[in-house]
C-alpha atoms as a PDB file:
ATOM      1  CA  UNK A   1      10.862 -89.216 -65.642  1.00  0.00           C
ATOM      2  CA  UNK A   2      11.407 -85.531 -64.487  1.00  0.00           C
ATOM      3  CA  UNK A   3       8.980 -83.437 -63.601  1.00  0.00           C
ATOM      4  CA  UNK A   4       9.573 -79.583 -62.892  1.00  0.00           C
ATOM      5  CA  UNK A   5       6.719 -77.566 -60.873  1.00  0.00           C
ATOM      6  CA  UNK A   6       7.049 -73.862 -61.363  1.00  0.00           C
ATOM      7  CA  UNK A   7       5.538 -71.869 -58.522  1.00  0.00           C
ATOM      8  CA  UNK A   8       4.219 -68.585 -57.526  1.00  0.00           C
ATOM      9  CA  UNK A   9       5.715 -67.298 -54.264  1.00  0.00           C
ATOM     10  CA  UNK A  10       2.346 -67.545 -52.576  1.00  0.00           C
ATOM     11  CA  UNK A  11       2.088 -71.431 -53.290  1.00  0.00           C
ATOM     12  CA  UNK A  12       5.474 -72.409 -51.953  1.00  0.00           C
ATOM     13  CA  UNK A  13       4.430 -73.424 -48.478  1.00  0.00           C
ATOM     14  CA  UNK A  14       1.053 -74.611 -49.236  1.00  0.00           C
ATOM     15  CA  UNK A  15      -0.418 -78.174 -48.215  1.00  0.00           C
ATOM     16  CA  UNK A  16      -2.105 -78.205 -51.624  1.00  0.00           C
ATOM     17  CA  UNK A  17       1.629 -77.989 -53.166  1.00  0.00           C
ATOM     18  CA  UNK A  18       2.971 -80.952 -50.841  1.00  0.00           C
ATOM     19  CA  UNK A  19      -0.050 -83.160 -51.589  1.00  0.00           C
ATOM     20  CA  UNK A  20       0.730 -82.763 -55.293  1.00  0.00           C
ATOM     21  CA  UNK A  21       4.171 -83.168 -55.195  1.00  0.00           C
ATOM     22  CA  UNK A  22       3.836 -86.508 -53.035  1.00  0.00           C
ATOM     23  CA  UNK A  23       1.267 -87.862 -55.189  1.00  0.00           C
ATOM     24  CA  UNK A  24       3.372 -87.665 -58.077  1.00  0.00           C
ATOM     25  CA  UNK A  25       6.611 -88.765 -56.191  1.00  0.00           C
ATOM     26  CA  UNK A  26       5.055 -91.823 -55.232  1.00  0.00           C
ATOM     27  CA  UNK A  27       3.641 -92.403 -58.526  1.00  0.00           C
ATOM     28  CA  UNK A  28       7.234 -92.641 -59.615  1.00  0.00           C
ATOM     29  CA  UNK A  29       8.168 -89.105 -61.013  1.00  0.00           C
ATOM     30  CA  UNK A  30      11.500 -87.142 -60.209  1.00  0.00           C
ATOM     31  CA  UNK A  31       9.843 -84.108 -58.644  1.00  0.00           C
ATOM     32  CA  UNK A  32      11.813 -80.444 -58.305  1.00  0.00           C
ATOM     33  CA  UNK A  33      10.332 -77.256 -57.837  1.00  0.00           C
ATOM     34  CA  UNK A  34      11.321 -73.924 -58.648  1.00  0.00           C
ATOM     35  CA  UNK A  35       9.666 -71.095 -56.617  1.00  0.00           C
ATOM     36  CA  UNK A  36       9.751 -67.462 -57.270  1.00  0.00           C
ATOM     37  CA  UNK A  37      11.590 -65.327 -54.331  1.00  0.00           C
ATOM     38  CA  UNK A  38       8.849 -62.537 -54.732  1.00  0.00           C
ATOM     39  CA  UNK A  39       5.093 -62.422 -54.509  1.00  0.00           C
ATOM     40  CA  UNK A  40       3.131 -60.618 -57.219  1.00  0.00           C
ATOM     41  CA  UNK A  41       4.306 -58.717 -60.175  1.00  0.00           C
ATOM     42  CA  UNK A  42       8.365 -59.156 -59.025  1.00  0.00           C
ATOM     43  CA  UNK A  43       7.728 -63.155 -59.174  1.00  0.00           C
ATOM     44  CA  UNK A  44       6.109 -63.646 -62.386  1.00  0.00           C
ATOM     45  CA  UNK A  45       8.782 -61.287 -63.755  1.00  0.00           C
ATOM     46  CA  UNK A  46      11.348 -63.172 -61.725  1.00  0.00           C
ATOM     47  CA  UNK A  47      10.093 -66.595 -63.648  1.00  0.00           C
ATOM     48  CA  UNK A  48       9.926 -64.881 -67.142  1.00  0.00           C
ATOM     49  CA  UNK A  49      13.382 -63.461 -67.220  1.00  0.00           C
ATOM     50  CA  UNK A  50      16.085 -65.398 -65.077  1.00  0.00           C
ATOM     51  CA  UNK A  51      13.354 -68.180 -63.278  1.00  0.00           C
ATOM     52  CA  UNK A  52      12.873 -70.120 -66.382  1.00  0.00           C
ATOM     53  CA  UNK A  53      16.679 -70.764 -67.179  1.00  0.00           C
ATOM     54  CA  UNK A  54      16.885 -72.129 -63.551  1.00  0.00           C
ATOM     55  CA  UNK A  55      13.959 -74.492 -64.509  1.00  0.00           C
ATOM     56  CA  UNK A  56      15.465 -75.397 -67.859  1.00  0.00           C
ATOM     57  CA  UNK A  57      19.032 -76.335 -66.384  1.00  0.00           C
ATOM     58  CA  UNK A  58      16.906 -79.090 -64.988  1.00  0.00           C
ATOM     59  CA  UNK A  59      16.203 -80.829 -68.217  1.00  0.00           C
ATOM     60  CA  UNK A  60      12.324 -81.729 -67.305  1.00  0.00           C
ATOM     61  CA  UNK A  61      10.258 -84.073 -69.246  1.00  0.00           C
ATOM     62  CA  UNK A  62       7.152 -82.634 -68.176  1.00  0.00           C
ATOM     63  CA  UNK A  63       6.643 -78.975 -66.692  1.00  0.00           C
ATOM     64  CA  UNK A  64       3.712 -77.702 -64.574  1.00  0.00           C
ATOM     65  CA  UNK A  65       3.291 -74.473 -64.226  1.00  0.00           C
ATOM     66  CA  UNK A  66       1.252 -73.024 -61.514  1.00  0.00           C
ATOM     67  CA  UNK A  67      -1.238 -70.318 -62.606  1.00  0.00           C
ATOM     68  CA  UNK A  68      -0.949 -67.339 -64.749  1.00  0.00           C
ATOM     69  CA  UNK A  69       2.049 -66.305 -62.746  1.00  0.00           C
ATOM     70  CA  UNK A  70       4.442 -68.944 -64.154  1.00  0.00           C
ATOM     71  CA  UNK A  71       2.874 -69.800 -67.591  1.00  0.00           C
ATOM     72  CA  UNK A  72       5.096 -67.916 -69.707  1.00  0.00           C
ATOM     73  CA  UNK A  73       8.054 -69.242 -68.059  1.00  0.00           C
ATOM     74  CA  UNK A  74       6.659 -72.603 -68.707  1.00  0.00           C
ATOM     75  CA  UNK A  75       6.387 -72.087 -72.393  1.00  0.00           C
ATOM     76  CA  UNK A  76       9.955 -70.698 -72.740  1.00  0.00           C
ATOM     77  CA  UNK A  77      11.252 -74.200 -70.807  1.00  0.00           C
ATOM     78  CA  UNK A  78       9.053 -75.980 -73.150  1.00  0.00           C
ATOM     79  CA  UNK A  79      10.452 -74.384 -76.387  1.00  0.00           C
ATOM     80  CA  UNK A  80      14.183 -74.767 -74.572  1.00  0.00           C
ATOM     81  CA  UNK A  81      13.983 -78.286 -73.848  1.00  0.00           C
ATOM     82  CA  UNK A  82      11.043 -80.081 -75.652  1.00  0.00           C
ATOM     83  CA  UNK A  83       9.171 -80.768 -72.168  1.00  0.00           C
ATOM     84  CA  UNK A  84       5.247 -80.926 -72.216  1.00  0.00           C
ATOM     85  CA  UNK A  85       3.756 -78.292 -70.375  1.00  0.00           C
ATOM     86  CA  UNK A  86       0.523 -78.698 -67.962  1.00  0.00           C
ATOM     87  CA  UNK A  87      -1.313 -75.427 -66.949  1.00  0.00           C
ATOM     88  CA  UNK A  88      -2.502 -76.079 -63.230  1.00  0.00           C
ATOM     89  CA  UNK A  89      -4.827 -73.319 -62.616  1.00  0.00           C
ATOM     90  CA  UNK A  90      -5.992 -73.211 -58.885  1.00  0.00           C
ATOM     91  CA  UNK A  91      -7.347 -69.733 -59.406  1.00  0.00           C
ATOM     92  CA  UNK A  92      -8.296 -67.662 -62.749  1.00  0.00           C
ATOM     93  CA  UNK A  93      -5.767 -65.239 -62.218  1.00  0.00           C
ATOM     94  CA  UNK A  94      -7.555 -62.438 -63.801  1.00  0.00           C
ATOM     95  CA  UNK A  95     -10.484 -62.953 -61.730  1.00  0.00           C
ATOM     96  CA  UNK A  96      -8.720 -63.183 -58.662  1.00  0.00           C
ATOM     97  CA  UNK A  97      -7.096 -59.766 -59.128  1.00  0.00           C
ATOM     98  CA  UNK A  98     -10.345 -58.239 -60.972  1.00  0.00           C
ATOM     99  CA  UNK A  99     -11.024 -55.886 -58.145  1.00  0.00           C
ATOM    100  CA  UNK A 100      -7.821 -54.744 -57.657  1.00  0.00           C
ATOM    101  CA  UNK A 101      -6.352 -53.502 -60.638  1.00  0.00           C
ATOM    102  CA  UNK A 102      -7.936 -51.247 -63.290  1.00  0.00           C
ATOM    103  CA  UNK A 103      -9.978 -53.080 -66.706  1.00  0.00           C
ATOM    104  CA  UNK A 104      -7.307 -52.382 -69.140  1.00  0.00           C
ATOM    105  CA  UNK A 105      -4.885 -54.731 -66.834  1.00  0.00           C
ATOM    106  CA  UNK A 106      -7.430 -57.424 -66.703  1.00  0.00           C
ATOM    107  CA  UNK A 107      -7.978 -57.218 -70.805  1.00  0.00           C
ATOM    108  CA  UNK A 108      -4.263 -57.509 -71.160  1.00  0.00           C
ATOM    109  CA  UNK A 109      -3.934 -60.699 -68.733  1.00  0.00           C
ATOM    110  CA  UNK A 110      -6.987 -62.416 -70.375  1.00  0.00           C
ATOM    111  CA  UNK A 111      -5.315 -61.881 -73.948  1.00  0.00           C
ATOM    112  CA  UNK A 112      -1.900 -63.038 -72.632  1.00  0.00           C
ATOM    113  CA  UNK A 113      -3.374 -65.967 -71.138  1.00  0.00           C
ATOM    114  CA  UNK A 114      -5.221 -67.391 -74.502  1.00  0.00           C
ATOM    115  CA  UNK A 115      -2.270 -66.830 -76.388  1.00  0.00           C
ATOM    116  CA  UNK A 116      -0.126 -69.083 -73.949  1.00  0.00           C
ATOM    117  CA  UNK A 117      -2.462 -71.709 -73.401  1.00  0.00           C
ATOM    118  CA  UNK A 118      -1.904 -72.464 -77.408  1.00  0.00           C
ATOM    119  CA  UNK A 119       1.446 -73.783 -76.216  1.00  0.00           C
ATOM    120  CA  UNK A 120      -0.028 -75.908 -73.280  1.00  0.00           C
ATOM    121  CA  UNK A 121      -0.121 -80.148 -73.889  1.00  0.00           C
ATOM    122  CA  UNK A 122      -2.724 -80.421 -71.459  1.00  0.00           C
ATOM    123  CA  UNK A 123      -4.802 -78.442 -68.342  1.00  0.00           C
ATOM    124  CA  UNK A 124      -5.684 -79.012 -64.932  1.00  0.00           C
ATOM    125  CA  UNK A 125      -7.963 -76.902 -62.780  1.00  0.00           C
ATOM    126  CA  UNK A 126      -8.924 -76.974 -59.283  1.00  0.00           C
ATOM    127  CA  UNK A 127     -12.579 -76.945 -59.738  1.00  0.00           C
ATOM    128  CA  UNK A 128     -14.937 -77.071 -62.601  1.00  0.00           C
ATOM    129  CA  UNK A 129     -15.489 -73.774 -63.094  1.00  0.00           C
ATOM    130  CA  UNK A 130     -11.803 -72.754 -63.988  1.00  0.00           C
ATOM    131  CA  UNK A 131     -11.300 -75.519 -66.372  1.00  0.00           C
ATOM    132  CA  UNK A 132     -14.516 -74.846 -68.109  1.00  0.00           C
ATOM    133  CA  UNK A 133     -12.927 -70.796 -68.581  1.00  0.00           C
ATOM    134  CA  UNK A 134     -10.633 -72.544 -71.560  1.00  0.00           C
ATOM    135  CA  UNK A 135     -13.557 -73.674 -73.680  1.00  0.00           C
ATOM    136  CA  UNK A 136     -13.717 -76.690 -75.691  1.00  0.00           C
ATOM    137  CA  UNK A 137     -10.053 -78.361 -76.373  1.00  0.00           C
ATOM    138  CA  UNK A 138      -9.395 -81.689 -77.303  1.00  0.00           C
ATOM    139  CA  UNK A 139      -5.823 -81.609 -75.326  1.00  0.00           C
ATOM    140  CA  UNK A 140      -5.884 -83.950 -71.756  1.00  0.00           C
ATOM    141  CA  UNK A 141      -7.333 -82.107 -69.203  1.00  0.00           C
ATOM    142  CA  UNK A 142      -8.664 -82.945 -65.416  1.00  0.00           C
ATOM    143  CA  UNK A 143     -10.384 -81.284 -62.498  1.00  0.00           C
ATOM    144  CA  UNK A 144      -8.345 -81.649 -59.523  1.00  0.00           C
ATOM    145  CA  UNK A 145      -9.917 -80.521 -55.990  1.00  0.00           C
ATOM    146  CA  UNK A 146      -7.703 -79.590 -52.840  1.00  0.00           C
ATOM    147  CA  UNK A 147      -9.640 -82.163 -51.100  1.00  0.00           C
ATOM    148  CA  UNK A 148      -8.239 -83.559 -47.940  1.00  0.00           C
ATOM    149  CA  UNK A 149      -8.206 -87.188 -46.538  1.00  0.00           C
ATOM    150  CA  UNK A 150     -10.771 -88.046 -44.087  1.00  0.00           C
ATOM    151  CA  UNK A 151      -9.450 -88.372 -40.242  1.00  0.00           C
ATOM    152  CA  UNK A 152      -9.342 -92.019 -39.236  1.00  0.00           C
ATOM    153  CA  UNK A 153     -12.443 -91.627 -37.079  1.00  0.00           C
ATOM    154  CA  UNK A 154     -15.430 -89.272 -37.126  1.00  0.00           C
ATOM    155  CA  UNK A 155     -15.434 -87.371 -33.783  1.00  0.00           C
ATOM    156  CA  UNK A 156     -19.061 -85.342 -32.955  1.00  0.00           C
ATOM    157  CA  UNK A 157     -18.858 -81.653 -31.507  1.00  0.00           C
ATOM    158  CA  UNK A 158     -20.334 -83.322 -28.603  1.00  0.00           C
ATOM    159  CA  UNK A 159     -21.138 -81.686 -26.319  1.00  0.00           C
ATOM    160  CA  UNK A 160     -21.320 -78.722 -28.852  1.00  0.00           C
ATOM    161  CA  UNK A 161     -19.036 -75.556 -27.746  1.00  0.00           C
ATOM    162  CA  UNK A 162     -20.911 -73.111 -29.878  1.00  0.00           C
ATOM    163  CA  UNK A 163     -17.716 -72.359 -31.402  1.00  0.00           C
ATOM    164  CA  UNK A 164     -17.129 -70.951 -34.853  1.00  0.00           C
ATOM    165  CA  UNK A 165     -13.728 -71.348 -36.672  1.00  0.00           C
ATOM    166  CA  UNK A 166     -12.497 -68.821 -39.646  1.00  0.00           C
ATOM    167  CA  UNK A 167      -8.614 -69.853 -40.805  1.00  0.00           C
ATOM    168  CA  UNK A 168      -7.395 -68.255 -43.987  1.00  0.00           C
ATOM    169  CA  UNK A 169      -6.720 -65.142 -45.558  1.00  0.00           C
ATOM    170  CA  UNK A 170      -7.904 -62.079 -43.625  1.00  0.00           C
ATOM    171  CA  UNK A 171      -7.957 -60.237 -47.052  1.00  0.00           C
ATOM    172  CA  UNK A 172     -11.004 -57.374 -47.470  1.00  0.00           C
ATOM    173  CA  UNK A 173     -13.022 -59.807 -49.500  1.00  0.00           C
ATOM    174  CA  UNK A 174     -13.215 -62.429 -46.822  1.00  0.00           C
ATOM    175  CA  UNK A 175     -16.234 -60.913 -45.010  1.00  0.00           C
ATOM    176  CA  UNK A 176     -13.835 -60.744 -42.246  1.00  0.00           C
ATOM    177  CA  UNK A 177     -15.665 -57.448 -40.766  1.00  0.00           C
ATOM    178  CA  UNK A 178     -18.897 -58.606 -41.302  1.00  0.00           C
ATOM    179  CA  UNK A 179     -18.498 -61.881 -39.402  1.00  0.00           C
ATOM    180  CA  UNK A 180     -17.099 -59.976 -36.557  1.00  0.00           C
ATOM    181  CA  UNK A 181     -19.823 -57.570 -36.128  1.00  0.00           C
ATOM    182  CA  UNK A 182     -22.293 -59.946 -36.956  1.00  0.00           C
ATOM    183  CA  UNK A 183     -21.291 -61.762 -33.571  1.00  0.00           C
ATOM    184  CA  UNK A 184     -22.844 -59.439 -31.218  1.00  0.00           C
ATOM    185  CA  UNK A 185     -26.102 -60.770 -32.354  1.00  0.00           C
ATOM    186  CA  UNK A 186     -24.906 -64.572 -31.987  1.00  0.00           C
ATOM    187  CA  UNK A 187     -25.010 -66.670 -28.883  1.00  0.00           C
ATOM    188  CA  UNK A 188     -21.512 -68.364 -29.331  1.00  0.00           C
ATOM    189  CA  UNK A 189     -17.948 -67.541 -30.019  1.00  0.00           C
ATOM    190  CA  UNK A 190     -15.810 -67.138 -33.442  1.00  0.00           C
ATOM    191  CA  UNK A 191     -12.034 -67.945 -33.622  1.00  0.00           C
ATOM    192  CA  UNK A 192     -10.153 -66.351 -36.196  1.00  0.00           C
ATOM    193  CA  UNK A 193      -6.507 -67.119 -37.476  1.00  0.00           C
ATOM    194  CA  UNK A 194      -4.713 -66.054 -40.493  1.00  0.00           C
ATOM    195  CA  UNK A 195      -1.413 -64.738 -41.779  1.00  0.00           C
ATOM    196  CA  UNK A 196      -0.489 -60.655 -41.743  1.00  0.00           C
ATOM    197  CA  UNK A 197      -0.768 -59.621 -45.525  1.00  0.00           C
ATOM    198  CA  UNK A 198      -1.226 -56.347 -47.474  1.00  0.00           C
ATOM    199  CA  UNK A 199      -4.923 -55.579 -47.956  1.00  0.00           C
ATOM    200  CA  UNK A 200      -5.844 -57.304 -44.990  1.00  0.00           C
ATOM    201  CA  UNK A 201      -7.700 -57.068 -41.615  1.00  0.00           C
ATOM    202  CA  UNK A 202      -4.892 -58.238 -39.264  1.00  0.00           C
ATOM    203  CA  UNK A 203      -3.976 -55.419 -37.631  1.00  0.00           C
ATOM    204  CA  UNK A 204      -7.623 -54.223 -37.219  1.00  0.00           C
ATOM    205  CA  UNK A 205      -8.386 -57.719 -35.755  1.00  0.00           C
ATOM    206  CA  UNK A 206      -5.087 -57.542 -33.653  1.00  0.00           C
ATOM    207  CA  UNK A 207      -5.984 -54.086 -31.996  1.00  0.00           C
ATOM    208  CA  UNK A 208      -9.383 -53.564 -31.762  1.00  0.00           C
ATOM    209  CA  UNK A 209     -11.626 -55.120 -28.764  1.00  0.00           C
ATOM    210  CA  UNK A 210     -14.462 -57.346 -30.524  1.00  0.00           C
ATOM    211  CA  UNK A 211     -17.495 -58.978 -28.648  1.00  0.00           C
ATOM    212  CA  UNK A 212     -17.483 -62.690 -29.242  1.00  0.00           C
ATOM    213  CA  UNK A 213     -14.318 -62.851 -31.431  1.00  0.00           C
ATOM    214  CA  UNK A 214     -11.060 -64.425 -30.180  1.00  0.00           C
ATOM    215  CA  UNK A 215      -8.527 -63.279 -32.562  1.00  0.00           C
ATOM    216  CA  UNK A 216      -5.625 -65.504 -32.557  1.00  0.00           C
ATOM    217  CA  UNK A 217      -3.161 -64.204 -35.646  1.00  0.00           C
ATOM    218  CA  UNK A 218      -0.757 -66.653 -37.470  1.00  0.00           C
ATOM    219  CA  UNK A 219      -1.051 -70.425 -36.437  1.00  0.00           C
ATOM    220  CA  UNK A 220       0.923 -73.416 -37.611  1.00  0.00           C
ATOM    221  CA  UNK A 221      -0.913 -75.800 -39.421  1.00  0.00           C
ATOM    222  CA  UNK A 222      -1.704 -78.335 -36.934  1.00  0.00           C
ATOM    223  CA  UNK A 223      -2.927 -76.023 -34.576  1.00  0.00           C
ATOM    224  CA  UNK A 224      -5.123 -74.974 -37.008  1.00  0.00           C
ATOM    225  CA  UNK A 225      -6.229 -78.513 -37.565  1.00  0.00           C
ATOM    226  CA  UNK A 226      -6.660 -78.637 -33.772  1.00  0.00           C
ATOM    227  CA  UNK A 227      -9.109 -75.850 -33.751  1.00  0.00           C
ATOM    228  CA  UNK A 228     -11.042 -77.176 -36.498  1.00  0.00           C
ATOM    229  CA  UNK A 229     -11.705 -80.226 -34.178  1.00  0.00           C
ATOM    230  CA  UNK A 230     -12.685 -78.201 -31.193  1.00  0.00           C
ATOM    231  CA  UNK A 231     -15.001 -75.885 -33.239  1.00  0.00           C
ATOM    232  CA  UNK A 232     -18.683 -76.801 -34.341  1.00  0.00           C
ATOM    233  CA  UNK A 233     -18.879 -74.865 -37.483  1.00  0.00           C
ATOM    234  CA  UNK A 234     -16.290 -73.368 -40.142  1.00  0.00           C
ATOM    235  CA  UNK A 235     -16.784 -70.029 -41.836  1.00  0.00           C
ATOM    236  CA  UNK A 236     -16.569 -70.308 -45.525  1.00  0.00           C
ATOM    237  CA  UNK A 237     -18.015 -66.880 -46.945  1.00  0.00           C
ATOM    238  CA  UNK A 238     -16.747 -65.416 -50.045  1.00  0.00           C
ATOM    239  CA  UNK A 239     -17.740 -62.234 -52.134  1.00  0.00           C
ATOM    240  CA  UNK A 240     -19.710 -63.511 -54.737  1.00  0.00           C
ATOM    241  CA  UNK A 241     -19.223 -60.187 -56.702  1.00  0.00           C
ATOM    242  CA  UNK A 242     -16.009 -61.713 -57.461  1.00  0.00           C
ATOM    243  CA  UNK A 243     -15.972 -64.677 -60.394  1.00  0.00           C
ATOM    244  CA  UNK A 244     -13.113 -66.397 -58.667  1.00  0.00           C
ATOM    245  CA  UNK A 245     -14.984 -66.754 -55.856  1.00  0.00           C
ATOM    246  CA  UNK A 246     -17.966 -67.817 -56.977  1.00  0.00           C
ATOM    247  CA  UNK A 247     -16.611 -70.990 -58.835  1.00  0.00           C
ATOM    248  CA  UNK A 248     -13.930 -71.499 -55.815  1.00  0.00           C
ATOM    249  CA  UNK A 249     -14.107 -74.847 -53.872  1.00  0.00           C
ATOM    250  CA  UNK A 250     -12.349 -73.573 -50.834  1.00  0.00           C
ATOM    251  CA  UNK A 251      -9.792 -75.243 -48.537  1.00  0.00           C
ATOM    252  CA  UNK A 252     -11.756 -74.735 -45.104  1.00  0.00           C
ATOM    253  CA  UNK A 253     -14.283 -76.523 -46.791  1.00  0.00           C
ATOM    254  CA  UNK A 254     -12.605 -79.824 -47.200  1.00  0.00           C
ATOM    255  CA  UNK A 255     -10.695 -79.104 -43.874  1.00  0.00           C
ATOM    256  CA  UNK A 256     -14.320 -79.296 -42.501  1.00  0.00           C
ATOM    257  CA  UNK A 257     -15.126 -82.381 -44.120  1.00  0.00           C
ATOM    258  CA  UNK A 258     -12.363 -84.215 -43.411  1.00  0.00           C
ATOM    259  CA  UNK A 259     -13.025 -83.863 -39.560  1.00  0.00           C
ATOM    260  CA  UNK A 260     -16.939 -83.888 -39.912  1.00  0.00           C
ATOM    261  CA  UNK A 261     -17.755 -80.268 -38.937  1.00  0.00           C
ATOM    262  CA  UNK A 262     -20.389 -78.271 -40.303  1.00  0.00           C
ATOM    263  CA  UNK A 263     -19.788 -74.959 -42.535  1.00  0.00           C
ATOM    264  CA  UNK A 264     -21.737 -71.929 -43.174  1.00  0.00           C
ATOM    265  CA  UNK A 265     -20.975 -70.453 -46.433  1.00  0.00           C
ATOM    266  CA  UNK A 266     -22.507 -67.537 -49.482  1.00  0.00           C
ATOM    267  CA  UNK A 267     -25.384 -68.546 -51.317  1.00  0.00           C
ATOM    268  CA  UNK A 268     -24.725 -68.876 -54.931  1.00  0.00           C
ATOM    269  CA  UNK A 269     -21.252 -70.138 -54.663  1.00  0.00           C
ATOM    270  CA  UNK A 270     -19.404 -73.114 -55.424  1.00  0.00           C
ATOM    271  CA  UNK A 271     -18.833 -73.626 -51.741  1.00  0.00           C
ATOM    272  CA  UNK A 272     -22.447 -73.020 -50.938  1.00  0.00           C
ATOM    273  CA  UNK A 273     -23.528 -75.113 -53.259  1.00  0.00           C
ATOM    274  CA  UNK A 274     -21.641 -78.256 -52.062  1.00  0.00           C
ATOM    275  CA  UNK A 275     -22.583 -77.184 -48.698  1.00  0.00           C
ATOM    276  CA  UNK A 276     -26.211 -77.419 -49.425  1.00  0.00           C
ATOM    277  CA  UNK A 277     -26.152 -80.258 -51.744  1.00  0.00           C
ATOM    278  CA  UNK A 278     -24.043 -82.558 -49.221  1.00  0.00           C
ATOM    279  CA  UNK A 279     -26.440 -81.316 -46.063  1.00  0.00           C
ATOM    280  CA  UNK A 280     -23.380 -80.540 -44.270  1.00  0.00           C
ATOM    281  CA  UNK A 281     -24.450 -76.767 -43.404  1.00  0.00           C
ATOM    282  CA  UNK A 282     -26.003 -73.577 -44.516  1.00  0.00           C
ATOM    283  CA  UNK A 283     -25.778 -71.060 -47.414  1.00  0.00           C
ATOM    284  CA  UNK A 284     -26.553 -67.557 -46.562  1.00  0.00           C
ATOM    285  CA  UNK A 285     -26.668 -64.265 -48.419  1.00  0.00           C
ATOM    286  CA  UNK A 286     -23.649 -62.425 -48.010  1.00  0.00           C
ATOM    287  CA  UNK A 287     -24.422 -59.515 -45.392  1.00  0.00           C
ATOM    288  CA  UNK A 288     -23.999 -59.363 -41.519  1.00  0.00           C
ATOM    289  CA  UNK A 289     -27.914 -60.151 -40.912  1.00  0.00           C
ATOM    290  CA  UNK A 290     -28.348 -63.092 -43.164  1.00  0.00           C
ATOM    291  CA  UNK A 291     -25.110 -64.252 -41.492  1.00  0.00           C
ATOM    292  CA  UNK A 292     -26.051 -63.657 -37.926  1.00  0.00           C
ATOM    293  CA  UNK A 293     -29.188 -65.534 -38.509  1.00  0.00           C
ATOM    294  CA  UNK A 294     -27.790 -68.195 -40.426  1.00  0.00           C
ATOM    295  CA  UNK A 295     -25.221 -68.924 -37.718  1.00  0.00           C
ATOM    296  CA  UNK A 296     -28.013 -69.004 -34.798  1.00  0.00           C
ATOM    297  CA  UNK A 297     -29.617 -71.428 -37.198  1.00  0.00           C
ATOM    298  CA  UNK A 298     -26.637 -73.943 -37.539  1.00  0.00           C
ATOM    299  CA  UNK A 299     -25.591 -73.682 -33.844  1.00  0.00           C
ATOM    300  CA  UNK A 300     -29.135 -74.640 -32.804  1.00  0.00           C
ATOM    301  CA  UNK A 301     -29.274 -77.539 -35.346  1.00  0.00           C
ATOM    302  CA  UNK A 302     -28.158 -80.993 -34.745  1.00  0.00           C
ATOM    303  CA  UNK A 303     -24.663 -80.442 -35.527  1.00  0.00           C
ATOM    304  CA  UNK A 304     -23.555 -84.207 -34.965  1.00  0.00           C
ATOM    305  CA  UNK A 305     -25.817 -84.835 -38.150  1.00  0.00           C
ATOM    306  CA  UNK A 306     -24.254 -82.381 -40.307  1.00  0.00           C
ATOM    307  CA  UNK A 307     -20.504 -83.088 -39.367  1.00  0.00           C
ATOM    308  CA  UNK A 308     -21.434 -86.764 -40.336  1.00  0.00           C
ATOM    309  CA  UNK A 309     -22.653 -85.786 -43.787  1.00  0.00           C
ATOM    310  CA  UNK A 310     -19.771 -83.829 -44.443  1.00  0.00           C
ATOM    311  CA  UNK A 311     -17.273 -87.052 -42.690  1.00  0.00           C
ATOM    312  CA  UNK A 312     -19.026 -89.318 -45.036  1.00  0.00           C
ATOM    313  CA  UNK A 313     -18.846 -87.458 -48.374  1.00  0.00           C
ATOM    314  CA  UNK A 314     -15.029 -86.904 -47.640  1.00  0.00           C
ATOM    315  CA  UNK A 315     -14.517 -90.730 -46.403  1.00  0.00           C
ATOM    316  CA  UNK A 316     -17.166 -92.712 -48.762  1.00  0.00           C
ATOM    317  CA  UNK A 317     -17.325 -90.607 -51.648  1.00  0.00           C
ATOM    318  CA  UNK A 318     -15.114 -88.380 -54.188  1.00  0.00           C
ATOM    319  CA  UNK A 319     -14.483 -85.557 -52.047  1.00  0.00           C
ATOM    320  CA  UNK A 320     -11.077 -86.741 -50.690  1.00  0.00           C
ATOM    321  CA  UNK A 321      -7.259 -86.398 -51.913  1.00  0.00           C
ATOM    322  CA  UNK A 322      -6.882 -90.098 -52.457  1.00  0.00           C
ATOM    323  CA  UNK A 323      -9.603 -89.672 -55.159  1.00  0.00           C
ATOM    324  CA  UNK A 324      -8.313 -86.349 -56.336  1.00  0.00           C
ATOM    325  CA  UNK A 325      -4.590 -87.803 -56.637  1.00  0.00           C
ATOM    326  CA  UNK A 326      -5.412 -90.356 -58.929  1.00  0.00           C
ATOM    327  CA  UNK A 327      -6.723 -87.911 -61.305  1.00  0.00           C
ATOM    328  CA  UNK A 328      -3.637 -85.633 -61.151  1.00  0.00           C
ATOM    329  CA  UNK A 329      -1.452 -88.841 -61.461  1.00  0.00           C
ATOM    330  CA  UNK A 330      -3.634 -90.222 -64.568  1.00  0.00           C
ATOM    331  CA  UNK A 331      -3.245 -86.692 -66.514  1.00  0.00           C
ATOM    332  CA  UNK A 332       0.522 -86.708 -65.863  1.00  0.00           C
ATOM    333  CA  UNK A 333       0.711 -90.547 -67.339  1.00  0.00           C
ATOM    334  CA  UNK A 334      -0.929 -89.459 -70.376  1.00  0.00           C
ATOM    335  CA  UNK A 335       1.917 -87.267 -71.005  1.00  0.00           C
ATOM    336  CA  UNK A 336       4.681 -89.539 -70.130  1.00  0.00           C
END
């Protein structure tokens, strides 16, 4: 059967996208991708007025619409071809942008989403919090988390390097300035990598000298994973005032689990709850003082034990891509 994956521009080169595509190809599906050429609202407009036609010409049996950016296009493809429509939410879109746009826009987005989801045949979400937004539904649904498969063996961070690593977005809601300033009070080093994007601290990091902080700009995926292995702990702080951050299970946490590394995250978020429940790190309040104290305590803890807890959860539990891929394939199979 032919599956067309509608992807916003930001998701085109994501590892998550690659893993999802490979899982369905391995299961025997004929996979095709249609990607927005622009980001944000321009990409969503391209899909709704032009991109959906490109997808319809492929004559899919199943359409997977990634996030609200592509859902309206997915509905149009469904009407044109009779294909089944799957809404795959990696982000709760209105929650993701609620700090950047007026409340009127948020209300419009949520009304639009409620109208469009009535056309869907199945739902997938990257965490339980996003799926629960749909409310009760008798349509097939699944949680497919952005987990990673474990490395072949656990390599302990021994001797400890007292190095922390932050990888990913440098957006203003990612605790960047706070963690940098907090490092003045920490006996250790913080390595930061990430892309230059709008509304980010990339230029500030690149042009300002910081104590105990090594900013390396954008790095390729393999170099980033090498830095995970060379570090003692991963930073996964998210602003809890944003609802999307509260339910998100971050890629960097799953990267840490794959290699067996401790994590410091935000108390009261899904990330923080996961880290503490698995005994793989610490969850602290979202402020400089709490972070500095938490990092100091973390680096003085038994990092090998915390890392092994993380690795075991990935290799022996459900927190790996092999398990999550089965959930995705099972849901698509139910529509075939």
